[in-house]
PDB file of all heavy atoms in Angstrom:
ATOM      1  N   ILE A   1      65.383  50.028 108.247  1.00  0.00           N
ATOM      2  CA  ILE A   1      64.033  50.020 107.681  1.00  0.00           C
ATOM      3  C   ILE A   1      63.981  49.286 106.352  1.00  0.00           C
ATOM      4  O   ILE A   1      62.933  48.784 105.942  1.00  0.00           O
ATOM      5  CB  ILE A   1      63.526  51.482 107.513  1.00  0.00           C
ATOM      6  CG1 ILE A   1      62.040  51.499 107.134  1.00  0.00           C
ATOM      7  CG2 ILE A   1      64.363  52.220 106.488  1.00  0.00           C
ATOM      8  CD1 ILE A   1      61.134  50.951 108.207  1.00  0.00           C
ATOM      9  N   ASN A   2      65.117  49.174 105.668  1.00  0.00           N
ATOM     10  CA  ASN A   2      65.140  48.480 104.381  1.00  0.00           C
ATOM     11  C   ASN A   2      64.790  47.003 104.524  1.00  0.00           C
ATOM     12  O   ASN A   2      64.311  46.374 103.581  1.00  0.00           O
ATOM     13  CB  ASN A   2      66.526  48.614 103.734  1.00  0.00           C
ATOM     14  CG  ASN A   2      66.826  50.036 103.305  1.00  0.00           C
ATOM     15  OD1 ASN A   2      65.962  50.725 102.777  1.00  0.00           O
ATOM     16  ND2 ASN A   2      68.049  50.489 103.551  1.00  0.00           N
ATOM     17  N   TRP A   3      65.041  46.425 105.701  1.00  0.00           N
ATOM     18  CA  TRP A   3      64.707  45.018 105.932  1.00  0.00           C
ATOM     19  C   TRP A   3      63.215  44.785 105.698  1.00  0.00           C
ATOM     20  O   TRP A   3      62.810  43.834 105.039  1.00  0.00           O
ATOM     21  CB  TRP A   3      65.088  44.646 107.364  1.00  0.00           C
ATOM     22  CG  TRP A   3      65.073  43.176 107.657  1.00  0.00           C
ATOM     23  CD1 TRP A   3      66.120  42.315 107.585  1.00  0.00           C
ATOM     24  CD2 TRP A   3      63.940  42.400 108.082  1.00  0.00           C
ATOM     25  NE1 TRP A   3      65.729  41.046 107.934  1.00  0.00           N
ATOM     26  CE2 TRP A   3      64.397  41.066 108.243  1.00  0.00           C
ATOM     27  CE3 TRP A   3      62.605  42.701 108.336  1.00  0.00           C
ATOM     28  CZ2 TRP A   3      63.544  40.045 108.659  1.00  0.00           C
ATOM     29  CZ3 TRP A   3      61.756  41.675 108.742  1.00  0.00           C
ATOM     30  CH2 TRP A   3      62.229  40.373 108.904  1.00  0.00           C
ATOM     31  N   TYR A   4      62.392  45.680 106.222  1.00  0.00           N
ATOM     32  CA  TYR A   4      60.937  45.569 106.071  1.00  0.00           C
ATOM     33  C   TYR A   4      60.489  45.973 104.683  1.00  0.00           C
ATOM     34  O   TYR A   4      59.619  45.338 104.078  1.00  0.00           O
ATOM     35  CB  TYR A   4      60.240  46.439 107.120  1.00  0.00           C
ATOM     36  CG  TYR A   4      60.718  46.168 108.515  1.00  0.00           C
ATOM     37  CD1 TYR A   4      61.679  46.973 109.107  1.00  0.00           C
ATOM     38  CD2 TYR A   4      60.230  45.084 109.237  1.00  0.00           C
ATOM     39  CE1 TYR A   4      62.140  46.716 110.385  1.00  0.00           C
ATOM     40  CE2 TYR A   4      60.679  44.818 110.521  1.00  0.00           C
ATOM     41  CZ  TYR A   4      61.639  45.626 111.080  1.00  0.00           C
ATOM     42  OH  TYR A   4      62.096  45.367 112.339  1.00  0.00           O
ATOM     43  N   THR A   5      61.070  47.060 104.185  1.00  0.00           N
ATOM     44  CA  THR A   5      60.656  47.576 102.886  1.00  0.00           C
ATOM     45  C   THR A   5      60.879  46.551 101.787  1.00  0.00           C
ATOM     46  O   THR A   5      60.007  46.321 100.943  1.00  0.00           O
ATOM     47  CB  THR A   5      61.432  48.870 102.554  1.00  0.00           C
ATOM     48  OG1 THR A   5      61.232  49.810 103.605  1.00  0.00           O
ATOM     49  CG2 THR A   5      60.955  49.463 101.248  1.00  0.00           C
ATOM     50  N   ARG A   6      62.043  45.929 101.780  1.00  0.00           N
ATOM     51  CA  ARG A   6      62.356  44.946 100.741  1.00  0.00           C
ATOM     52  C   ARG A   6      61.394  43.766 100.769  1.00  0.00           C
ATOM     53  O   ARG A   6      60.939  43.286  99.717  1.00  0.00           O
ATOM     54  CB  ARG A   6      63.794  44.460 100.918  1.00  0.00           C
ATOM     55  CG  ARG A   6      64.832  45.511 100.559  1.00  0.00           C
ATOM     56  CD  ARG A   6      66.229  45.087 100.953  1.00  0.00           C
ATOM     57  NE  ARG A   6      67.198  46.124 100.620  1.00  0.00           N
ATOM     58  CZ  ARG A   6      68.477  46.099 100.991  1.00  0.00           C
ATOM     59  NH1 ARG A   6      68.927  45.092 101.719  1.00  0.00           N
ATOM     60  NH2 ARG A   6      69.289  47.077 100.641  1.00  0.00           N
ATOM     61  N   ARG A   7      61.057  43.302 101.936  1.00  0.00           N
ATOM     62  CA  ARG A   7      60.154  42.159 102.032  1.00  0.00           C
ATOM     63  C   ARG A   7      58.726  42.546 101.652  1.00  0.00           C
ATOM     64  O   ARG A   7      58.012  41.755 101.026  1.00  0.00           O
ATOM     65  CB  ARG A   7      60.216  41.583 103.456  1.00  0.00           C
ATOM     66  CG  ARG A   7      61.473  40.738 103.662  1.00  0.00           C
ATOM     67  CD  ARG A   7      61.931  40.675 105.104  1.00  0.00           C
ATOM     68  NE  ARG A   7      63.110  39.817 105.255  1.00  0.00           N
ATOM     69  CZ  ARG A   7      64.335  40.191 104.892  1.00  0.00           C
ATOM     70  NH1 ARG A   7      64.543  41.396 104.387  1.00  0.00           N
ATOM     71  NH2 ARG A   7      65.360  39.355 105.032  1.00  0.00           N
ATOM     72  N   THR A   8      58.317  43.725 102.019  1.00  0.00           N
ATOM     73  CA  THR A   8      56.971  44.169 101.666  1.00  0.00           C
ATOM     74  C   THR A   8      56.835  44.359 100.158  1.00  0.00           C
ATOM     75  O   THR A   8      55.831  43.967  99.556  1.00  0.00           O
ATOM     76  CB  THR A   8      56.641  45.490 102.384  1.00  0.00           C
ATOM     77  OG1 THR A   8      56.827  45.321 103.791  1.00  0.00           O
ATOM     78  CG2 THR A   8      55.208  45.908 102.119  1.00  0.00           C
ATOM     79  N   VAL A   9      57.862  44.950  99.542  1.00  0.00           N
ATOM     80  CA  VAL A   9      57.841  45.153  98.099  1.00  0.00           C
ATOM     81  C   VAL A   9      57.817  43.808  97.377  1.00  0.00           C
ATOM     82  O   VAL A   9      57.055  43.611  96.419  1.00  0.00           O
ATOM     83  CB  VAL A   9      59.063  45.988  97.641  1.00  0.00           C
ATOM     84  CG1 VAL A   9      59.190  45.975  96.127  1.00  0.00           C
ATOM     85  CG2 VAL A   9      58.936  47.419  98.141  1.00  0.00           C
ATOM     86  N   LEU A  10      58.637  42.862  97.818  1.00  0.00           N
ATOM     87  CA  LEU A  10      58.678  41.555  97.168  1.00  0.00           C
ATOM     88  C   LEU A  10      57.349  40.822  97.324  1.00  0.00           C
ATOM     89  O   LEU A  10      56.897  40.130  96.403  1.00  0.00           O
ATOM     90  CB  LEU A  10      59.821  40.718  97.743  1.00  0.00           C
ATOM     91  CG  LEU A  10      60.089  39.371  97.041  1.00  0.00           C
ATOM     92  CD1 LEU A  10      60.369  39.581  95.564  1.00  0.00           C
ATOM     93  CD2 LEU A  10      61.238  38.635  97.717  1.00  0.00           C
ATOM     94  N   ALA A  11      56.703  40.958  98.473  1.00  0.00           N
ATOM     95  CA  ALA A  11      55.385  40.345  98.674  1.00  0.00           C
ATOM     96  C   ALA A  11      54.377  40.935  97.701  1.00  0.00           C
ATOM     97  O   ALA A  11      53.553  40.214  97.126  1.00  0.00           O
ATOM     98  CB  ALA A  11      54.924  40.545 100.114  1.00  0.00           C
ATOM     99  N   GLY A  12      54.444  42.255  97.508  1.00  0.00           N
ATOM    100  CA  GLY A  12      53.549  42.900  96.554  1.00  0.00           C
ATOM    101  C   GLY A  12      53.806  42.434  95.133  1.00  0.00           C
ATOM    102  O   GLY A  12      52.867  42.202  94.360  1.00  0.00           O
ATOM    103  N   ILE A  13      55.077  42.276  94.778  1.00  0.00           N
ATOM    104  CA  ILE A  13      55.429  41.792  93.439  1.00  0.00           C
ATOM    105  C   ILE A  13      54.917  40.373  93.239  1.00  0.00           C
ATOM    106  O   ILE A  13      54.360  40.029  92.181  1.00  0.00           O
ATOM    107  CB  ILE A  13      56.960  41.846  93.232  1.00  0.00           C
ATOM    108  CG1 ILE A  13      57.423  43.300  93.145  1.00  0.00           C
ATOM    109  CG2 ILE A  13      57.361  41.082  91.972  1.00  0.00           C
ATOM    110  CD1 ILE A  13      58.926  43.466  93.080  1.00  0.00           C
ATOM    111  N   TYR A  14      55.086  39.532  94.252  1.00  0.00           N
ATOM    112  CA  TYR A  14      54.609  38.146  94.135  1.00  0.00           C
ATOM    113  C   TYR A  14      53.096  38.110  93.929  1.00  0.00           C
ATOM    114  O   TYR A  14      52.596  37.403  93.042  1.00  0.00           O
ATOM    115  CB  TYR A  14      54.991  37.341  95.374  1.00  0.00           C
ATOM    116  CG  TYR A  14      54.516  35.908  95.307  1.00  0.00           C
ATOM    117  CD1 TYR A  14      55.305  34.930  94.728  1.00  0.00           C
ATOM    118  CD2 TYR A  14      53.249  35.544  95.795  1.00  0.00           C
ATOM    119  CE1 TYR A  14      54.868  33.616  94.629  1.00  0.00           C
ATOM    120  CE2 TYR A  14      52.804  34.243  95.688  1.00  0.00           C
ATOM    121  CZ  TYR A  14      53.614  33.285  95.110  1.00  0.00           C
ATOM    122  OH  TYR A  14      53.162  31.998  95.001  1.00  0.00           O
ATOM    123  N   ASN A  15      52.364  38.877  94.728  1.00  0.00           N
ATOM    124  CA  ASN A  15      50.903  38.848  94.644  1.00  0.00           C
ATOM    125  C   ASN A  15      50.397  39.350  93.301  1.00  0.00           C
ATOM    126  O   ASN A  15      49.489  38.759  92.705  1.00  0.00           O
ATOM    127  CB  ASN A  15      50.298  39.682  95.774  1.00  0.00           C
ATOM    128  CG  ASN A  15      50.279  38.940  97.102  1.00  0.00           C
ATOM    129  OD1 ASN A  15      50.275  37.725  97.134  1.00  0.00           O
ATOM    130  ND2 ASN A  15      50.275  39.681  98.194  1.00  0.00           N
ATOM    131  N   THR A  16      50.954  40.458  92.826  1.00  0.00           N
ATOM    132  CA  THR A  16      50.480  41.008  91.548  1.00  0.00           C
ATOM    133  C   THR A  16      50.856  40.093  90.387  1.00  0.00           C
ATOM    134  O   THR A  16      50.073  39.919  89.450  1.00  0.00           O
ATOM    135  CB  THR A  16      51.063  42.416  91.316  1.00  0.00           C
ATOM    136  OG1 THR A  16      52.492  42.379  91.457  1.00  0.00           O
ATOM    137  CG2 THR A  16      50.502  43.411  92.312  1.00  0.00           C
ATOM    138  N   THR A  17      52.034  39.482  90.439  1.00  0.00           N
ATOM    139  CA  THR A  17      52.434  38.555  89.382  1.00  0.00           C
ATOM    140  C   THR A  17      51.543  37.315  89.394  1.00  0.00           C
ATOM    141  O   THR A  17      51.193  36.766  88.340  1.00  0.00           O
ATOM    142  CB  THR A  17      53.906  38.143  89.542  1.00  0.00           C
ATOM    143  OG1 THR A  17      54.727  39.316  89.627  1.00  0.00           O
ATOM    144  CG2 THR A  17      54.367  37.308  88.359  1.00  0.00           C
ATOM    145  N   GLU A  18      51.168  36.874  90.572  1.00  0.00           N
ATOM    146  CA  GLU A  18      50.261  35.732  90.702  1.00  0.00           C
ATOM    147  C   GLU A  18      48.916  36.033  90.042  1.00  0.00           C
ATOM    148  O   GLU A  18      48.341  35.181  89.344  1.00  0.00           O
ATOM    149  CB  GLU A  18      50.064  35.405  92.181  1.00  0.00           C
ATOM    150  CG  GLU A  18      49.149  34.237  92.467  1.00  0.00           C
ATOM    151  CD  GLU A  18      48.930  34.059  93.952  1.00  0.00           C
ATOM    152  OE1 GLU A  18      48.710  35.070  94.664  1.00  0.00           O
ATOM    153  OE2 GLU A  18      48.989  32.907  94.429  1.00  0.00           O
ATOM    154  N   LEU A  19      48.420  37.242  90.228  1.00  0.00           N
ATOM    155  CA  LEU A  19      47.151  37.633  89.627  1.00  0.00           C
ATOM    156  C   LEU A  19      47.254  37.709  88.108  1.00  0.00           C
ATOM    157  O   LEU A  19      46.327  37.319  87.388  1.00  0.00           O
ATOM    158  CB  LEU A  19      46.706  38.983  90.194  1.00  0.00           C
ATOM    159  CG  LEU A  19      46.361  38.984  91.679  1.00  0.00           C
ATOM    160  CD1 LEU A  19      46.201  40.409  92.206  1.00  0.00           C
ATOM    161  CD2 LEU A  19      45.083  38.186  91.930  1.00  0.00           C
ATOM    162  N   VAL A  20      48.385  38.210  87.601  1.00  0.00           N
ATOM    163  CA  VAL A  20      48.609  38.241  86.157  1.00  0.00           C
ATOM    164  C   VAL A  20      48.649  36.818  85.603  1.00  0.00           C
ATOM    165  O   VAL A  20      48.076  36.516  84.547  1.00  0.00           O
ATOM    166  CB  VAL A  20      49.928  38.976  85.820  1.00  0.00           C
ATOM    167  CG1 VAL A  20      50.293  38.802  84.350  1.00  0.00           C
ATOM    168  CG2 VAL A  20      49.808  40.458  86.160  1.00  0.00           C
ATOM    169  N   MET A  21      49.302  35.937  86.330  1.00  0.00           N
ATOM    170  CA  MET A  21      49.445  34.556  85.892  1.00  0.00           C
ATOM    171  C   MET A  21      48.095  33.860  85.726  1.00  0.00           C
ATOM    172  O   MET A  21      47.895  33.061  84.796  1.00  0.00           O
ATOM    173  CB  MET A  21      50.304  33.791  86.910  1.00  0.00           C
ATOM    174  CG  MET A  21      50.623  32.360  86.527  1.00  0.00           C
ATOM    175  SD  MET A  21      51.625  31.551  87.817  1.00  0.00           S
ATOM    176  CE  MET A  21      51.983  29.988  87.005  1.00  0.00           C
ATOM    177  N   MET A  22      47.156  34.135  86.619  1.00  0.00           N
ATOM    178  CA  MET A  22      45.853  33.482  86.566  1.00  0.00           C
ATOM    179  C   MET A  22      45.059  33.877  85.333  1.00  0.00           C
ATOM    180  O   MET A  22      44.119  33.197  84.942  1.00  0.00           O
ATOM    181  CB  MET A  22      45.055  33.797  87.836  1.00  0.00           C
ATOM    182  CG  MET A  22      45.572  33.081  89.065  1.00  0.00           C
ATOM    183  SD  MET A  22      44.499  33.258  90.501  1.00  0.00           S
ATOM    184  CE  MET A  22      44.775  34.971  90.920  1.00  0.00           C
ATOM    185  N   GLN A  23      45.429  34.993  84.699  1.00  0.00           N
ATOM    186  CA  GLN A  23      44.714  35.457  83.513  1.00  0.00           C
ATOM    187  C   GLN A  23      45.566  35.361  82.244  1.00  0.00           C
ATOM    188  O   GLN A  23      45.145  35.810  81.190  1.00  0.00           O
ATOM    189  CB  GLN A  23      44.284  36.910  83.725  1.00  0.00           C
ATOM    190  CG  GLN A  23      43.440  37.118  84.985  1.00  0.00           C
ATOM    191  CD  GLN A  23      43.136  38.572  85.251  1.00  0.00           C
ATOM    192  OE1 GLN A  23      42.332  39.181  84.553  1.00  0.00           O
ATOM    193  NE2 GLN A  23      43.776  39.143  86.257  1.00  0.00           N
ATOM    194  N   ASP A  24      46.743  34.774  82.362  1.00  0.00           N
ATOM    195  CA  ASP A  24      47.689  34.708  81.255  1.00  0.00           C
ATOM    196  C   ASP A  24      47.421  33.473  80.398  1.00  0.00           C
ATOM    197  O   ASP A  24      47.415  32.352  80.897  1.00  0.00           O
ATOM    198  CB  ASP A  24      49.118  34.666  81.812  1.00  0.00           C
ATOM    199  CG  ASP A  24      50.171  34.750  80.724  1.00  0.00           C
ATOM    200  OD1 ASP A  24      49.801  34.881  79.540  1.00  0.00           O
ATOM    201  OD2 ASP A  24      51.373  34.689  81.059  1.00  0.00           O
ATOM    202  N   SER A  25      47.201  33.674  79.107  1.00  0.00           N
ATOM    203  CA  SER A  25      46.977  32.567  78.180  1.00  0.00           C
ATOM    204  C   SER A  25      48.129  32.412  77.191  1.00  0.00           C
ATOM    205  O   SER A  25      48.021  31.641  76.233  1.00  0.00           O
ATOM    206  CB  SER A  25      45.662  32.788  77.410  1.00  0.00           C
ATOM    207  OG  SER A  25      45.702  34.029  76.710  1.00  0.00           O
ATOM    208  N   SER A  26      49.241  33.128  77.411  1.00  0.00           N
ATOM    209  CA  SER A  26      50.392  33.036  76.511  1.00  0.00           C
ATOM    210  C   SER A  26      51.128  31.710  76.728  1.00  0.00           C
ATOM    211  O   SER A  26      51.009  31.096  77.796  1.00  0.00           O
ATOM    212  CB  SER A  26      51.348  34.207  76.752  1.00  0.00           C
ATOM    213  OG  SER A  26      51.871  34.180  78.071  1.00  0.00           O
ATOM    214  N   PRO A  27      51.889  31.242  75.723  1.00  0.00           N
ATOM    215  CA  PRO A  27      52.621  29.977  75.863  1.00  0.00           C
ATOM    216  C   PRO A  27      53.585  30.002  77.045  1.00  0.00           C
ATOM    217  O   PRO A  27      54.374  30.936  77.182  1.00  0.00           O
ATOM    218  CB  PRO A  27      53.382  29.857  74.525  1.00  0.00           C
ATOM    219  CG  PRO A  27      52.621  30.722  73.573  1.00  0.00           C
ATOM    220  CD  PRO A  27      52.078  31.854  74.394  1.00  0.00           C
ATOM    221  N   ASP A  28      53.502  28.999  77.881  1.00  0.00           N
ATOM    222  CA  ASP A  28      54.372  28.866  79.053  1.00  0.00           C
ATOM    223  C   ASP A  28      54.364  30.115  79.925  1.00  0.00           C
ATOM    224  O   ASP A  28      55.335  30.430  80.593  1.00  0.00           O
ATOM    225  CB  ASP A  28      55.806  28.540  78.620  1.00  0.00           C
ATOM    226  CG  ASP A  28      56.680  28.071  79.777  1.00  0.00           C
ATOM    227  OD1 ASP A  28      56.154  27.376  80.673  1.00  0.00           O
ATOM    228  OD2 ASP A  28      57.870  28.433  79.805  1.00  0.00           O
ATOM    229  N   PHE A  29      53.272  30.852  79.908  1.00  0.00           N
ATOM    230  CA  PHE A  29      53.093  32.040  80.746  1.00  0.00           C
ATOM    231  C   PHE A  29      54.194  33.092  80.495  1.00  0.00           C
ATOM    232  O   PHE A  29      54.705  33.719  81.418  1.00  0.00           O
ATOM    233  CB  PHE A  29      53.069  31.654  82.231  1.00  0.00           C
ATOM    234  CG  PHE A  29      51.962  30.702  82.583  1.00  0.00           C
ATOM    235  CD1 PHE A  29      52.184  29.324  82.586  1.00  0.00           C
ATOM    236  CD2 PHE A  29      50.690  31.167  82.886  1.00  0.00           C
ATOM    237  CE1 PHE A  29      51.162  28.438  82.898  1.00  0.00           C
ATOM    238  CE2 PHE A  29      49.667  30.293  83.200  1.00  0.00           C
ATOM    239  CZ  PHE A  29      49.898  28.929  83.205  1.00  0.00           C
ATOM    240  N   GLU A  30      54.533  33.267  79.223  1.00  0.00           N
ATOM    241  CA  GLU A  30      55.591  34.212  78.859  1.00  0.00           C
ATOM    242  C   GLU A  30      55.276  35.628  79.324  1.00  0.00           C
ATOM    243  O   GLU A  30      56.173  36.359  79.777  1.00  0.00           O
ATOM    244  CB  GLU A  30      55.805  34.194  77.342  1.00  0.00           C
ATOM    245  CG  GLU A  30      56.386  32.880  76.824  1.00  0.00           C
ATOM    246  CD  GLU A  30      56.484  32.871  75.309  1.00  0.00           C
ATOM    247  OE1 GLU A  30      56.049  33.875  74.685  1.00  0.00           O
ATOM    248  OE2 GLU A  30      56.992  31.880  74.742  1.00  0.00           O
ATOM    249  N   GLU A  31      54.019  36.038  79.186  1.00  0.00           N
ATOM    250  CA  GLU A  31      53.635  37.388  79.601  1.00  0.00           C
ATOM    251  C   GLU A  31      53.814  37.568  81.108  1.00  0.00           C
ATOM    252  O   GLU A  31      54.185  38.648  81.583  1.00  0.00           O
ATOM    253  CB  GLU A  31      52.177  37.674  79.209  1.00  0.00           C
ATOM    254  CG  GLU A  31      51.925  37.732  77.707  1.00  0.00           C
ATOM    255  CD  GLU A  31      52.683  38.887  77.068  1.00  0.00           C
ATOM    256  OE1 GLU A  31      52.872  39.929  77.747  1.00  0.00           O
ATOM    257  OE2 GLU A  31      53.088  38.761  75.899  1.00  0.00           O
ATOM    258  N   THR A  32      53.557  36.531  81.853  1.00  0.00           N
ATOM    259  CA  THR A  32      53.720  36.597  83.314  1.00  0.00           C
ATOM    260  C   THR A  32      55.182  36.816  83.682  1.00  0.00           C
ATOM    261  O   THR A  32      55.491  37.672  84.527  1.00  0.00           O
ATOM    262  CB  THR A  32      53.216  35.292  83.967  1.00  0.00           C
ATOM    263  OG1 THR A  32      51.815  35.153  83.713  1.00  0.00           O
ATOM    264  CG2 THR A  32      53.449  35.302  85.473  1.00  0.00           C
ATOM    265  N   TRP A  33      56.079  36.070  83.054  1.00  0.00           N
ATOM    266  CA  TRP A  33      57.499  36.201  83.394  1.00  0.00           C
ATOM    267  C   TRP A  33      58.066  37.544  82.937  1.00  0.00           C
ATOM    268  O   TRP A  33      58.948  38.087  83.609  1.00  0.00           O
ATOM    269  CB  TRP A  33      58.298  35.048  82.799  1.00  0.00           C
ATOM    270  CG  TRP A  33      57.675  33.698  83.022  1.00  0.00           C
ATOM    271  CD1 TRP A  33      57.530  32.692  82.121  1.00  0.00           C
ATOM    272  CD2 TRP A  33      57.090  33.205  84.240  1.00  0.00           C
ATOM    273  NE1 TRP A  33      56.898  31.611  82.674  1.00  0.00           N
ATOM    274  CE2 TRP A  33      56.615  31.894  83.976  1.00  0.00           C
ATOM    275  CE3 TRP A  33      56.901  33.729  85.515  1.00  0.00           C
ATOM    276  CZ2 TRP A  33      55.977  31.109  84.938  1.00  0.00           C
ATOM    277  CZ3 TRP A  33      56.263  32.958  86.481  1.00  0.00           C
ATOM    278  CH2 TRP A  33      55.820  31.673  86.195  1.00  0.00           C
ATOM    279  N   ARG A  34      57.524  38.072  81.847  1.00  0.00           N
ATOM    280  CA  ARG A  34      57.951  39.401  81.401  1.00  0.00           C
ATOM    281  C   ARG A  34      57.493  40.460  82.412  1.00  0.00           C
ATOM    282  O   ARG A  34      58.240  41.386  82.749  1.00  0.00           O
ATOM    283  CB  ARG A  34      57.389  39.694  80.022  1.00  0.00           C
ATOM    284  CG  ARG A  34      57.919  40.993  79.399  1.00  0.00           C
ATOM    285  CD  ARG A  34      57.419  41.188  77.982  1.00  0.00           C
ATOM    286  NE  ARG A  34      57.884  40.105  77.111  1.00  0.00           N
ATOM    287  CZ  ARG A  34      57.104  39.172  76.579  1.00  0.00           C
ATOM    288  NH1 ARG A  34      55.796  39.177  76.849  1.00  0.00           N
ATOM    289  NH2 ARG A  34      57.598  38.242  75.804  1.00  0.00           N
ATOM    290  N   PHE A  35      56.267  40.333  82.872  1.00  0.00           N
ATOM    291  CA  PHE A  35      55.738  41.251  83.887  1.00  0.00           C
ATOM    292  C   PHE A  35      56.588  41.176  85.152  1.00  0.00           C
ATOM    293  O   PHE A  35      56.951  42.194  85.740  1.00  0.00           O
ATOM    294  CB  PHE A  35      54.283  40.894  84.197  1.00  0.00           C
ATOM    295  CG  PHE A  35      53.676  41.684  85.323  1.00  0.00           C
ATOM    296  CD1 PHE A  35      53.081  42.913  85.083  1.00  0.00           C
ATOM    297  CD2 PHE A  35      53.699  41.205  86.636  1.00  0.00           C
ATOM    298  CE1 PHE A  35      52.518  43.651  86.117  1.00  0.00           C
ATOM    299  CE2 PHE A  35      53.149  41.931  87.671  1.00  0.00           C
ATOM    300  CZ  PHE A  35      52.552  43.161  87.402  1.00  0.00           C
ATOM    301  N   LEU A  36      56.924  39.946  85.569  1.00  0.00           N
ATOM    302  CA  LEU A  36      57.734  39.750  86.772  1.00  0.00           C
ATOM    303  C   LEU A  36      59.101  40.398  86.616  1.00  0.00           C
ATOM    304  O   LEU A  36      59.588  41.082  87.537  1.00  0.00           O
ATOM    305  CB  LEU A  36      57.889  38.249  87.045  1.00  0.00           C
ATOM    306  CG  LEU A  36      58.887  37.840  88.128  1.00  0.00           C
ATOM    307  CD1 LEU A  36      58.490  38.418  89.478  1.00  0.00           C
ATOM    308  CD2 LEU A  36      59.004  36.320  88.201  1.00  0.00           C
ATOM    309  N   GLU A  37      59.732  40.209  85.479  1.00  0.00           N
ATOM    310  CA  GLU A  37      61.066  40.770  85.253  1.00  0.00           C
ATOM    311  C   GLU A  37      61.037  42.294  85.339  1.00  0.00           C
ATOM    312  O   GLU A  37      61.939  42.913  85.928  1.00  0.00           O
ATOM    313  CB  GLU A  37      61.589  40.329  83.887  1.00  0.00           C
ATOM    314  CG  GLU A  37      63.025  40.738  83.630  1.00  0.00           C
ATOM    315  CD  GLU A  37      63.584  40.115  82.374  1.00  0.00           C
ATOM    316  OE1 GLU A  37      62.823  39.443  81.636  1.00  0.00           O
ATOM    317  OE2 GLU A  37      64.798  40.285  82.120  1.00  0.00           O
ATOM    318  N   ASN A  38      59.999  42.902  84.774  1.00  0.00           N
ATOM    319  CA  ASN A  38      59.877  44.361  84.817  1.00  0.00           C
ATOM    320  C   ASN A  38      59.659  44.864  86.240  1.00  0.00           C
ATOM    321  O   ASN A  38      60.206  45.901  86.633  1.00  0.00           O
ATOM    322  CB  ASN A  38      58.740  44.828  83.915  1.00  0.00           C
ATOM    323  CG  ASN A  38      59.042  44.609  82.440  1.00  0.00           C
ATOM    324  OD1 ASN A  38      60.209  44.550  82.044  1.00  0.00           O
ATOM    325  ND2 ASN A  38      58.002  44.468  81.631  1.00  0.00           N
ATOM    326  N   ARG A  39      58.856  44.162  87.010  1.00  0.00           N
ATOM    327  CA  ARG A  39      58.584  44.599  88.380  1.00  0.00           C
ATOM    328  C   ARG A  39      59.849  44.464  89.248  1.00  0.00           C
ATOM    329  O   ARG A  39      60.112  45.298  90.106  1.00  0.00           O
ATOM    330  CB  ARG A  39      57.456  43.778  88.992  1.00  0.00           C
ATOM    331  CG  ARG A  39      56.118  43.873  88.281  1.00  0.00           C
ATOM    332  CD  ARG A  39      55.466  45.241  88.395  1.00  0.00           C
ATOM    333  NE  ARG A  39      56.088  46.246  87.565  1.00  0.00           N
ATOM    334  CZ  ARG A  39      55.924  46.332  86.221  1.00  0.00           C
ATOM    335  NH1 ARG A  39      55.194  45.463  85.590  1.00  0.00           N
ATOM    336  NH2 ARG A  39      56.515  47.301  85.547  1.00  0.00           N
ATOM    337  N   ILE A  40      60.601  43.387  89.059  1.00  0.00           N
ATOM    338  CA  ILE A  40      61.846  43.222  89.812  1.00  0.00           C
ATOM    339  C   ILE A  40      62.829  44.329  89.441  1.00  0.00           C
ATOM    340  O   ILE A  40      63.494  44.915  90.313  1.00  0.00           O
ATOM    341  CB  ILE A  40      62.475  41.839  89.543  1.00  0.00           C
ATOM    342  CG1 ILE A  40      61.589  40.723  90.125  1.00  0.00           C
ATOM    343  CG2 ILE A  40      63.881  41.770  90.132  1.00  0.00           C
ATOM    344  CD1 ILE A  40      61.551  40.658  91.629  1.00  0.00           C
ATOM    345  N   ALA A  41      62.909  44.644  88.152  1.00  0.00           N
ATOM    346  CA  ALA A  41      63.806  45.711  87.699  1.00  0.00           C
ATOM    347  C   ALA A  41      63.411  47.047  88.312  1.00  0.00           C
ATOM    348  O   ALA A  41      64.268  47.827  88.747  1.00  0.00           O
ATOM    349  CB  ALA A  41      63.796  45.795  86.174  1.00  0.00           C
ATOM    350  N   ASP A  42      62.124  47.314  88.371  1.00  0.00           N
ATOM    351  CA  ASP A  42      61.648  48.568  88.981  1.00  0.00           C
ATOM    352  C   ASP A  42      62.031  48.625  90.451  1.00  0.00           C
ATOM    353  O   ASP A  42      62.440  49.674  90.957  1.00  0.00           O
ATOM    354  CB  ASP A  42      60.133  48.674  88.837  1.00  0.00           C
ATOM    355  CG  ASP A  42      59.686  48.889  87.388  1.00  0.00           C
ATOM    356  OD1 ASP A  42      60.544  49.283  86.567  1.00  0.00           O
ATOM    357  OD2 ASP A  42      58.504  48.635  87.092  1.00  0.00           O
TER     358      ASP A  42
END
């Protein structure tokens, strides 16, 4: 079951990070990459 779970979680992380990116005005999207790093760690 982990095969599906891992892919579903990663898809969710990609989508939410994409949404953060569209509203990010920080230099070189620093806030987006910080958000991504935290979600991957979680």
